[in-house]
Amino acid sequence: MESYVPVLLMGAAAVVIAGGVFVLTSRSGPKNYTPEKMEPYESGWETTGSQGIRLSVKFYLTAILFVIFDVESVFLYPWAIRFRALGWVGFGTMLAFLAVLGLAIFYVFRKGALEWEK
């Protein structure tokens, strides 16, 4: 349990600093709310069109697939750090993991989940 103390202290410090910055910025400086400032905008341009536009499922599917494969690729870093200590068992395990990942990406391509034009 003693090894977690530095991590917990760092997490507590991060929360205190982030909270302090948030409070300081919200409390300092004059607030001059005008109709122009309260109007919604998008990247500095005046918004036009309907707000209820339904996006295609392809956008969401691509985003979800990116997150899934991105998170899975994060597991490669700790394995690479401990590569020698894990030995052949760790190597075989990572090959199996990469094989499953490869099959998953092959399945995604085969189903046409990443094709924009159909």
N, C-alpha and C. Protein backbone atom coordinates (compact mmCIF):
# COMPACT_ATOMS: atom_id res chain seq x y z
N MET A 1 0.82 -1.19 0.00
CA MET A 1 0.00 0.00 0.00
C MET A 1 0.86 1.25 0.00
N GLU A 2 2.05 1.15 0.55
CA GLU A 2 2.94 2.32 0.62
C GLU A 2 3.38 2.79 -0.76
N SER A 3 3.41 1.90 -1.72
CA SER A 3 3.84 2.29 -3.07
C SER A 3 2.79 3.15 -3.78
N TYR A 4 1.55 3.13 -3.30
CA TYR A 4 0.49 3.92 -3.91
C TYR A 4 0.44 5.35 -3.39
N VAL A 5 1.12 5.63 -2.29
CA VAL A 5 1.07 6.96 -1.68
C VAL A 5 1.54 8.05 -2.64
N PRO A 6 2.67 7.91 -3.34
CA PRO A 6 3.06 8.97 -4.29
C PRO A 6 2.05 9.20 -5.40
N VAL A 7 1.44 8.12 -5.89
CA VAL A 7 0.45 8.26 -6.96
C VAL A 7 -0.79 8.99 -6.43
N LEU A 8 -1.22 8.64 -5.22
CA LEU A 8 -2.38 9.31 -4.63
C LEU A 8 -2.07 10.78 -4.35
N LEU A 9 -0.86 11.08 -3.88
CA LEU A 9 -0.48 12.48 -3.65
C LEU A 9 -0.46 13.26 -4.96
N MET A 10 0.06 12.66 -6.00
CA MET A 10 0.09 13.34 -7.30
C MET A 10 -1.33 13.56 -7.82
N GLY A 11 -2.21 12.58 -7.67
CA GLY A 11 -3.59 12.74 -8.08
C GLY A 11 -4.30 13.83 -7.28
N ALA A 12 -4.05 13.86 -5.98
CA ALA A 12 -4.66 14.90 -5.14
C ALA A 12 -4.14 16.28 -5.53
N ALA A 13 -2.84 16.38 -5.79
CA ALA A 13 -2.27 17.66 -6.21
C ALA A 13 -2.87 18.10 -7.54
N ALA A 14 -3.07 17.18 -8.46
CA ALA A 14 -3.67 17.53 -9.76
C ALA A 14 -5.10 18.03 -9.59
N VAL A 15 -5.87 17.39 -8.72
CA VAL A 15 -7.24 17.82 -8.48
C VAL A 15 -7.27 19.20 -7.84
N VAL A 16 -6.38 19.43 -6.86
CA VAL A 16 -6.34 20.73 -6.18
C VAL A 16 -5.92 21.83 -7.15
N ILE A 17 -4.91 21.57 -7.96
CA ILE A 17 -4.44 22.59 -8.91
C ILE A 17 -5.52 22.87 -9.96
N ALA A 18 -6.14 21.84 -10.52
CA ALA A 18 -7.18 22.05 -11.52
C ALA A 18 -8.38 22.78 -10.92
N GLY A 19 -8.77 22.40 -9.72
CA GLY A 19 -9.88 23.08 -9.06
C GLY A 19 -9.54 24.53 -8.74
N GLY A 20 -8.30 24.77 -8.28
CA GLY A 20 -7.87 26.13 -7.99
C GLY A 20 -7.85 27.01 -9.22
N VAL A 21 -7.36 26.50 -10.32
CA VAL A 21 -7.34 27.28 -11.56
C VAL A 21 -8.76 27.57 -12.01
N PHE A 22 -9.64 26.60 -11.90
CA PHE A 22 -11.04 26.80 -12.29
C PHE A 22 -11.69 27.89 -11.44
N VAL A 23 -11.50 27.81 -10.13
CA VAL A 23 -12.10 28.80 -9.23
C VAL A 23 -11.51 30.18 -9.48
N LEU A 24 -10.19 30.26 -9.63
CA LEU A 24 -9.56 31.56 -9.86
C LEU A 24 -10.03 32.21 -11.15
N THR A 25 -10.14 31.46 -12.21
CA THR A 25 -10.55 32.05 -13.48
C THR A 25 -12.02 32.43 -13.48
N SER A 26 -12.85 31.68 -12.74
CA SER A 26 -14.27 32.02 -12.72
C SER A 26 -14.56 33.19 -11.78
N ARG A 27 -13.71 33.42 -10.79
CA ARG A 27 -13.95 34.49 -9.83
C ARG A 27 -13.22 35.79 -10.16
N SER A 28 -12.17 35.72 -10.93
CA SER A 28 -11.40 36.93 -11.22
C SER A 28 -11.86 37.58 -12.51
N GLY A 29 -11.73 38.88 -12.59
CA GLY A 29 -12.07 39.62 -13.80
C GLY A 29 -13.53 40.00 -13.86
N PRO A 30 -13.80 41.08 -14.55
CA PRO A 30 -15.19 41.54 -14.66
C PRO A 30 -15.98 40.66 -15.63
N LYS A 31 -17.24 40.54 -15.36
CA LYS A 31 -18.13 39.78 -16.23
C LYS A 31 -19.07 40.77 -16.91
N ASN A 32 -18.95 40.87 -18.21
CA ASN A 32 -19.77 41.80 -18.99
C ASN A 32 -20.52 41.00 -20.04
N TYR A 33 -21.67 40.44 -19.63
CA TYR A 33 -22.47 39.62 -20.54
C TYR A 33 -23.30 40.53 -21.44
N THR A 34 -23.08 40.41 -22.74
CA THR A 34 -23.86 41.16 -23.73
C THR A 34 -24.56 40.14 -24.63
N PRO A 35 -25.59 40.56 -25.33
CA PRO A 35 -26.27 39.61 -26.24
C PRO A 35 -25.32 39.01 -27.28
N GLU A 36 -24.37 39.81 -27.74
CA GLU A 36 -23.42 39.30 -28.73
C GLU A 36 -22.54 38.21 -28.14
N LYS A 37 -22.12 38.38 -26.89
CA LYS A 37 -21.25 37.39 -26.26
C LYS A 37 -22.00 36.11 -25.92
N MET A 38 -23.28 36.21 -25.66
CA MET A 38 -24.07 35.05 -25.27
C MET A 38 -24.63 34.29 -26.46
N GLU A 39 -24.42 34.79 -27.67
CA GLU A 39 -24.91 34.13 -28.88
C GLU A 39 -24.02 32.94 -29.23
N PRO A 40 -24.61 31.80 -29.59
CA PRO A 40 -23.77 30.65 -29.93
C PRO A 40 -23.01 30.87 -31.24
N TYR A 41 -21.81 30.34 -31.31
CA TYR A 41 -21.02 30.45 -32.52
C TYR A 41 -20.24 29.15 -32.70
N GLU A 42 -19.77 28.96 -33.91
CA GLU A 42 -18.99 27.78 -34.21
C GLU A 42 -17.71 28.20 -34.91
N SER A 43 -16.61 28.06 -34.23
CA SER A 43 -15.30 28.41 -34.78
C SER A 43 -15.25 29.86 -35.24
N GLY A 44 -15.91 30.74 -34.55
CA GLY A 44 -15.88 32.16 -34.88
C GLY A 44 -16.86 32.57 -35.95
N TRP A 45 -17.59 31.63 -36.51
CA TRP A 45 -18.56 31.94 -37.56
C TRP A 45 -19.96 31.89 -36.97
N GLU A 46 -20.82 32.68 -37.54
CA GLU A 46 -22.22 32.67 -37.13
C GLU A 46 -22.85 31.35 -37.56
N THR A 47 -23.62 30.74 -36.65
CA THR A 47 -24.22 29.45 -36.97
C THR A 47 -25.37 29.62 -37.95
N THR A 48 -25.45 28.69 -38.88
CA THR A 48 -26.53 28.69 -39.86
C THR A 48 -27.08 27.27 -39.96
N GLY A 49 -28.29 27.16 -40.40
CA GLY A 49 -28.87 25.84 -40.60
C GLY A 49 -29.57 25.32 -39.37
N SER A 50 -30.04 24.11 -39.50
CA SER A 50 -30.81 23.47 -38.44
C SER A 50 -29.89 22.92 -37.36
N GLN A 51 -30.36 22.94 -36.13
CA GLN A 51 -29.58 22.39 -35.03
C GLN A 51 -29.85 20.90 -34.85
N GLY A 52 -30.89 20.39 -35.43
CA GLY A 52 -31.26 19.00 -35.23
C GLY A 52 -30.82 18.09 -36.36
N ILE A 53 -29.70 18.39 -37.00
CA ILE A 53 -29.22 17.57 -38.11
C ILE A 53 -28.75 16.23 -37.56
N ARG A 54 -29.21 15.16 -38.16
CA ARG A 54 -28.79 13.82 -37.73
C ARG A 54 -27.59 13.39 -38.57
N LEU A 55 -26.52 13.07 -37.89
CA LEU A 55 -25.33 12.61 -38.58
C LEU A 55 -25.45 11.14 -38.95
N SER A 56 -24.69 10.76 -39.95
CA SER A 56 -24.69 9.38 -40.39
C SER A 56 -24.05 8.49 -39.33
N VAL A 57 -24.48 7.25 -39.28
CA VAL A 57 -23.93 6.29 -38.34
C VAL A 57 -22.45 6.03 -38.63
N LYS A 58 -22.03 6.26 -39.86
CA LYS A 58 -20.65 6.00 -40.24
C LYS A 58 -19.67 6.83 -39.41
N PHE A 59 -20.05 8.05 -39.07
CA PHE A 59 -19.18 8.89 -38.25
C PHE A 59 -18.98 8.28 -36.87
N TYR A 60 -20.08 7.84 -36.26
CA TYR A 60 -20.01 7.24 -34.93
C TYR A 60 -19.27 5.91 -34.96
N LEU A 61 -19.51 5.12 -35.97
CA LEU A 61 -18.85 3.82 -36.10
C LEU A 61 -17.34 3.99 -36.24
N THR A 62 -16.92 4.95 -37.05
CA THR A 62 -15.50 5.21 -37.22
C THR A 62 -14.88 5.67 -35.91
N ALA A 63 -15.56 6.53 -35.18
CA ALA A 63 -15.04 7.02 -33.91
C ALA A 63 -14.93 5.89 -32.89
N ILE A 64 -15.93 5.04 -32.82
CA ILE A 64 -15.90 3.93 -31.87
C ILE A 64 -14.78 2.95 -32.22
N LEU A 65 -14.63 2.64 -33.49
CA LEU A 65 -13.56 1.74 -33.91
C LEU A 65 -12.19 2.33 -33.62
N PHE A 66 -12.04 3.63 -33.83
CA PHE A 66 -10.77 4.28 -33.51
C PHE A 66 -10.46 4.15 -32.03
N VAL A 67 -11.43 4.41 -31.19
CA VAL A 67 -11.21 4.33 -29.74
C VAL A 67 -10.86 2.90 -29.34
N ILE A 68 -11.58 1.94 -29.88
CA ILE A 68 -11.32 0.54 -29.52
C ILE A 68 -9.90 0.14 -29.90
N PHE A 69 -9.49 0.40 -31.13
CA PHE A 69 -8.16 -0.03 -31.55
C PHE A 69 -7.06 0.83 -30.93
N ASP A 70 -7.37 2.07 -30.60
CA ASP A 70 -6.40 2.92 -29.94
C ASP A 70 -6.15 2.43 -28.52
N VAL A 71 -7.19 2.09 -27.82
CA VAL A 71 -7.04 1.60 -26.45
C VAL A 71 -6.30 0.27 -26.44
N GLU A 72 -6.59 -0.59 -27.39
CA GLU A 72 -5.90 -1.87 -27.44
C GLU A 72 -4.41 -1.68 -27.74
N SER A 73 -4.07 -0.70 -28.55
CA SER A 73 -2.66 -0.49 -28.85
C SER A 73 -1.89 0.06 -27.66
N VAL A 74 -2.58 0.62 -26.67
CA VAL A 74 -1.92 1.12 -25.47
C VAL A 74 -1.29 -0.03 -24.69
N PHE A 75 -1.82 -1.23 -24.81
CA PHE A 75 -1.27 -2.37 -24.10
C PHE A 75 0.11 -2.78 -24.62
N LEU A 76 0.51 -2.31 -25.77
CA LEU A 76 1.83 -2.64 -26.30
C LEU A 76 2.94 -1.97 -25.52
N TYR A 77 2.70 -0.79 -24.98
CA TYR A 77 3.77 -0.05 -24.29
C TYR A 77 4.24 -0.75 -23.02
N PRO A 78 3.37 -1.12 -22.09
CA PRO A 78 3.88 -1.81 -20.90
C PRO A 78 4.54 -3.15 -21.24
N TRP A 79 4.01 -3.82 -22.26
CA TRP A 79 4.62 -5.08 -22.66
C TRP A 79 6.03 -4.84 -23.18
N ALA A 80 6.23 -3.79 -23.96
CA ALA A 80 7.56 -3.50 -24.50
C ALA A 80 8.54 -3.13 -23.39
N ILE A 81 8.05 -2.47 -22.35
CA ILE A 81 8.92 -2.10 -21.23
C ILE A 81 9.39 -3.35 -20.49
N ARG A 82 8.52 -4.33 -20.30
CA ARG A 82 8.84 -5.54 -19.54
C ARG A 82 9.16 -6.73 -20.45
N PHE A 83 9.56 -6.47 -21.68
CA PHE A 83 9.75 -7.52 -22.68
C PHE A 83 10.71 -8.61 -22.21
N ARG A 84 11.88 -8.23 -21.74
CA ARG A 84 12.88 -9.23 -21.35
C ARG A 84 12.45 -10.01 -20.11
N ALA A 85 11.81 -9.34 -19.18
CA ALA A 85 11.40 -10.02 -17.94
C ALA A 85 10.27 -11.02 -18.20
N LEU A 86 9.45 -10.78 -19.19
CA LEU A 86 8.33 -11.67 -19.47
C LEU A 86 8.75 -12.94 -20.20
N GLY A 87 9.84 -12.87 -20.92
CA GLY A 87 10.36 -14.05 -21.61
C GLY A 87 9.48 -14.50 -22.75
N TRP A 88 9.61 -15.81 -23.07
CA TRP A 88 8.89 -16.36 -24.21
C TRP A 88 7.38 -16.44 -23.96
N VAL A 89 7.01 -16.59 -22.70
CA VAL A 89 5.57 -16.64 -22.40
C VAL A 89 4.92 -15.30 -22.72
N GLY A 90 5.58 -14.22 -22.32
CA GLY A 90 5.06 -12.89 -22.62
C GLY A 90 5.05 -12.62 -24.11
N PHE A 91 6.08 -13.11 -24.81
CA PHE A 91 6.14 -12.93 -26.25
C PHE A 91 4.99 -13.66 -26.94
N GLY A 92 4.75 -14.90 -26.52
CA GLY A 92 3.66 -15.68 -27.10
C GLY A 92 2.29 -15.07 -26.80
N THR A 93 2.16 -14.56 -25.59
CA THR A 93 0.90 -13.91 -25.22
C THR A 93 0.65 -12.68 -26.07
N MET A 94 1.69 -11.89 -26.29
CA MET A 94 1.53 -10.69 -27.11
C MET A 94 1.27 -11.06 -28.57
N LEU A 95 1.88 -12.12 -29.06
CA LEU A 95 1.58 -12.56 -30.43
C LEU A 95 0.12 -12.98 -30.54
N ALA A 96 -0.40 -13.66 -29.53
CA ALA A 96 -1.81 -14.04 -29.55
C ALA A 96 -2.70 -12.80 -29.51
N PHE A 97 -2.33 -11.82 -28.69
CA PHE A 97 -3.09 -10.57 -28.60
C PHE A 97 -3.09 -9.85 -29.95
N LEU A 98 -1.92 -9.77 -30.58
CA LEU A 98 -1.82 -9.10 -31.88
C LEU A 98 -2.56 -9.88 -32.97
N ALA A 99 -2.60 -11.20 -32.85
CA ALA A 99 -3.35 -12.00 -33.82
C ALA A 99 -4.85 -11.72 -33.69
N VAL A 100 -5.35 -11.64 -32.46
CA VAL A 100 -6.76 -11.32 -32.26
C VAL A 100 -7.06 -9.91 -32.77
N LEU A 101 -6.15 -8.98 -32.50
CA LEU A 101 -6.31 -7.60 -32.97
C LEU A 101 -6.31 -7.56 -34.50
N GLY A 102 -5.42 -8.32 -35.12
CA GLY A 102 -5.37 -8.39 -36.58
C GLY A 102 -6.64 -9.00 -37.16
N LEU A 103 -7.15 -10.04 -36.52
CA LEU A 103 -8.41 -10.63 -36.98
C LEU A 103 -9.56 -9.64 -36.86
N ALA A 104 -9.55 -8.87 -35.78
CA ALA A 104 -10.62 -7.88 -35.59
C ALA A 104 -10.57 -6.80 -36.66
N ILE A 105 -9.38 -6.30 -36.98
CA ILE A 105 -9.28 -5.26 -38.00
C ILE A 105 -9.60 -5.83 -39.38
N PHE A 106 -9.23 -7.08 -39.62
CA PHE A 106 -9.59 -7.74 -40.87
C PHE A 106 -11.11 -7.87 -40.99
N TYR A 107 -11.76 -8.24 -39.90
CA TYR A 107 -13.22 -8.35 -39.88
C TYR A 107 -13.88 -7.00 -40.16
N VAL A 108 -13.34 -5.95 -39.56
CA VAL A 108 -13.89 -4.60 -39.76
C VAL A 108 -13.76 -4.19 -41.23
N PHE A 109 -12.61 -4.42 -41.82
CA PHE A 109 -12.42 -4.08 -43.23
C PHE A 109 -13.32 -4.94 -44.11
N ARG A 110 -13.42 -6.22 -43.78
CA ARG A 110 -14.22 -7.14 -44.58
C ARG A 110 -15.70 -6.75 -44.58
N LYS A 111 -16.19 -6.28 -43.44
CA LYS A 111 -17.58 -5.85 -43.32
C LYS A 111 -17.81 -4.49 -43.97
N GLY A 112 -16.73 -3.78 -44.31
CA GLY A 112 -16.86 -2.48 -44.94
C GLY A 112 -17.21 -1.36 -43.97
N ALA A 113 -16.86 -1.54 -42.71
CA ALA A 113 -17.21 -0.55 -41.69
C ALA A 113 -16.45 0.76 -41.86
N LEU A 114 -15.33 0.74 -42.55
CA LEU A 114 -14.54 1.96 -42.71
C LEU A 114 -14.67 2.57 -44.10
N GLU A 115 -15.58 2.05 -44.92
CA GLU A 115 -15.79 2.60 -46.25
C GLU A 115 -16.82 3.73 -46.17
N TRP A 116 -16.48 4.86 -46.76
CA TRP A 116 -17.39 6.02 -46.71
C TRP A 116 -18.41 5.99 -47.82
N GLU A 117 -18.05 5.49 -48.97
CA GLU A 117 -18.95 5.49 -50.13
C GLU A 117 -19.46 4.08 -50.35
N LYS A 118 -20.79 3.94 -50.41
CA LYS A 118 -21.39 2.62 -50.72
C LYS A 118 -22.51 2.79 -51.69
